[in-house]
Amino acid sequence: MGVKIEFTKLALFDIIKIKKWYSGKSENLHLRFLTHLEREIEKVKNSPLMFQVVRQGTRKFSVNKFPYNVYYLVEKERIVIVGLIHNKRSNAFIKKKLKK
């Protein structure tokens, strides 16, 4: 029985926004981003507690080769991706976004 991955509306919006930005930079860059994101999500699926807790049960992992952190919650039978934030964002921005 696998762990279910769910995305909040905010996380889906983040992914669409990032994908759109990368598609404007290079022909296949957005596809590379999505591939790396999927690989990291698979790692989380296989071992949800391996990444550090950063705030009130929210954990984060980095997207390999891209400057984004993905924030997620581990619940009983699911993992909820709550948002993607650029690595250069301030801690205040991150806290504010995670409160939404």
Protein backbone atom coordinates (compact mmCIF):
# COMPACT_ATOMS: atom_id res chain seq x y z
CA MET A 1 0.00 0.00 0.00
CA GLY A 2 1.60 3.23 -1.16
CA VAL A 3 1.43 6.62 0.41
CA LYS A 4 -0.90 8.99 -1.40
CA ILE A 5 0.54 12.31 -2.62
CA GLU A 6 -1.78 15.32 -2.67
CA PHE A 7 -1.15 18.92 -3.68
CA THR A 8 -2.79 21.99 -2.24
CA LYS A 9 -4.17 24.57 -4.68
CA LEU A 10 -1.27 26.81 -3.73
CA ALA A 11 1.28 24.11 -4.57
CA LEU A 12 -0.36 23.43 -7.94
CA PHE A 13 -0.34 27.16 -8.67
CA ASP A 14 3.36 27.31 -7.76
CA ILE A 15 4.17 24.41 -10.09
CA ILE A 16 2.25 25.99 -12.98
CA LYS A 17 3.95 29.34 -12.41
CA ILE A 18 7.44 27.79 -12.25
CA LYS A 19 6.78 25.57 -15.28
CA LYS A 20 5.61 28.59 -17.29
CA TRP A 21 8.69 30.59 -16.31
CA TYR A 22 11.08 27.79 -17.30
CA SER A 23 9.26 27.12 -20.57
CA GLY A 24 10.02 30.73 -21.55
CA LYS A 25 13.74 30.27 -20.85
CA SER A 26 14.51 27.13 -22.84
CA GLU A 27 12.60 24.67 -24.99
CA ASN A 28 12.73 21.67 -22.61
CA LEU A 29 13.75 23.27 -19.33
CA HIS A 30 10.24 23.07 -17.87
CA LEU A 31 10.19 19.33 -18.64
CA ARG A 32 13.52 18.87 -16.87
CA PHE A 33 12.15 20.73 -13.86
CA LEU A 34 9.07 18.49 -13.73
CA THR A 35 11.22 15.36 -14.09
CA HIS A 36 13.46 16.39 -11.19
CA LEU A 37 10.44 17.36 -9.09
CA GLU A 38 8.85 13.94 -9.70
CA ARG A 39 12.07 12.15 -8.72
CA GLU A 40 12.27 14.03 -5.43
CA ILE A 41 8.60 13.38 -4.70
CA GLU A 42 9.26 9.66 -5.21
CA LYS A 43 12.00 9.86 -2.56
CA VAL A 44 9.54 11.49 -0.17
CA LYS A 45 6.96 8.82 -0.97
CA ASN A 46 9.43 6.08 -0.11
CA SER A 47 10.74 7.74 3.04
CA PRO A 48 8.52 10.65 4.13
CA LEU A 49 10.37 11.42 7.36
CA MET A 50 13.86 11.65 5.85
CA PHE A 51 13.75 15.41 5.30
CA GLN A 52 14.01 18.03 8.01
CA VAL A 53 11.10 19.63 9.82
CA VAL A 54 11.28 23.38 9.28
CA ARG A 55 8.10 24.68 10.87
CA GLN A 56 5.26 23.12 12.87
CA GLY A 57 5.46 19.71 11.23
CA THR A 58 6.17 21.08 7.76
CA ARG A 59 9.15 19.44 6.09
CA LYS A 60 11.11 20.52 3.05
CA PHE A 61 13.24 19.08 0.30
CA SER A 62 15.12 20.67 -2.57
CA VAL A 63 14.48 20.05 -6.24
CA ASN A 64 17.76 18.70 -7.60
CA LYS A 65 19.46 21.11 -10.06
CA PHE A 66 16.79 23.79 -9.54
CA PRO A 67 16.64 26.56 -6.91
CA TYR A 68 13.37 25.51 -5.29
CA ASN A 69 12.38 24.00 -1.98
CA VAL A 70 9.20 21.96 -1.71
CA TYR A 71 7.29 22.10 1.56
CA TYR A 72 5.11 19.22 2.64
CA LEU A 73 3.20 17.65 5.52
CA VAL A 74 3.21 13.99 6.48
CA GLU A 75 -0.19 12.78 7.54
CA LYS A 76 -1.37 9.31 8.47
CA GLU A 77 -1.81 7.87 4.97
CA ARG A 78 -0.86 10.77 2.74
CA ILE A 79 1.72 13.40 2.02
CA VAL A 80 0.45 16.88 1.27
CA ILE A 81 2.64 19.16 -0.85
CA VAL A 82 1.81 22.64 0.43
CA GLY A 83 4.05 24.87 -1.68
CA LEU A 84 7.21 25.47 -3.67
CA ILE A 85 9.41 28.42 -2.79
CA HIS A 86 12.54 29.76 -4.46
CA ASN A 87 15.70 29.28 -2.37
CA LYS A 88 16.44 33.01 -2.37
CA ARG A 89 13.22 33.93 -0.58
CA SER A 90 13.48 35.27 2.95
CA ASN A 91 12.42 33.32 6.00
CA ALA A 92 9.67 35.89 6.60
CA PHE A 93 8.25 35.23 3.13
CA ILE A 94 8.36 31.48 3.70
CA LYS A 95 6.59 31.74 7.07
CA LYS A 96 3.91 33.99 5.58
CA LYS A 97 3.32 31.67 2.62
CA LEU A 98 3.13 28.55 4.79
CA LYS A 99 0.45 30.15 6.98
CA LYS A 100 -1.97 30.32 4.02
